[in-house]
Amino acid sequence: MTGPTSVAEYRVYGHRVINRQGGSGAGLYEGDLTLQSCLGRGTGFSYLRRIA
């Protein structure tokens, strides 16, 4: 990931898919960075840890 003042590297360590969109995100975010995307009628999450 490149920002205006620095560069950081992350490694994916896990994924999760839930069968809904919307609602509470409690318990679904973890690691240093969580990416979220819509997957049909569900929601996918990818979990990353910073390595550099």
Protein backbone atom coordinates (compact mmCIF):
# COMPACT_ATOMS: atom_id res chain seq x y z
CA MET A 1 0.00 0.00 0.00
CA THR A 2 1.41 3.38 -0.94
CA GLY A 3 0.43 6.54 0.89
CA PRO A 4 1.45 10.16 0.49
CA THR A 5 4.42 9.80 2.87
CA SER A 6 5.20 6.07 3.12
CA VAL A 7 4.91 2.56 1.73
CA ALA A 8 3.68 -0.44 3.74
CA GLU A 9 3.56 -4.11 2.80
CA TYR A 10 0.90 -6.53 4.04
CA ARG A 11 0.44 -10.30 3.79
CA VAL A 12 -2.98 -11.98 3.63
CA TYR A 13 -3.37 -14.55 6.39
CA GLY A 14 -7.07 -15.42 6.22
CA HIS A 15 -10.47 -15.06 4.60
CA ARG A 16 -14.07 -15.28 5.77
CA VAL A 17 -17.42 -15.17 3.95
CA ILE A 18 -20.72 -14.45 5.65
CA ASN A 19 -24.14 -14.99 4.09
CA ARG A 20 -25.45 -11.46 4.45
CA GLN A 21 -24.78 -7.86 3.58
CA GLY A 22 -25.25 -5.11 6.12
CA GLY A 23 -25.79 -5.36 9.85
CA SER A 24 -23.24 -5.30 12.63
CA GLY A 25 -19.57 -5.80 11.82
CA ALA A 26 -18.74 -6.85 15.39
CA GLY A 27 -16.21 -9.67 15.38
CA LEU A 28 -15.60 -9.48 11.63
CA TYR A 29 -12.63 -7.10 11.60
CA GLU A 30 -9.20 -8.27 12.73
CA GLY A 31 -5.51 -8.02 11.91
CA ASP A 32 -3.79 -4.83 10.84
CA LEU A 33 -5.97 -4.35 7.76
CA THR A 34 -9.33 -5.87 6.78
CA LEU A 35 -10.56 -5.75 3.20
CA GLN A 36 -14.30 -6.15 2.65
CA SER A 37 -16.15 -6.90 -0.59
CA CYS A 38 -19.61 -7.93 -1.73
CA LEU A 39 -19.91 -11.51 -2.99
CA GLY A 40 -23.33 -12.11 -4.52
CA ARG A 41 -25.71 -11.93 -1.54
CA GLY A 42 -22.89 -12.29 0.99
CA THR A 43 -19.85 -10.37 2.15
CA GLY A 44 -16.22 -11.46 1.96
CA PHE A 45 -13.40 -10.40 4.26
CA SER A 46 -9.65 -10.76 3.75
CA TYR A 47 -7.36 -10.28 6.74
CA LEU A 48 -3.84 -8.84 6.43
CA ARG A 49 -0.85 -8.30 8.70
CA ARG A 50 1.75 -5.64 8.11
CA ILE A 51 5.16 -7.09 7.19
CA ALA A 52 7.15 -3.94 6.33
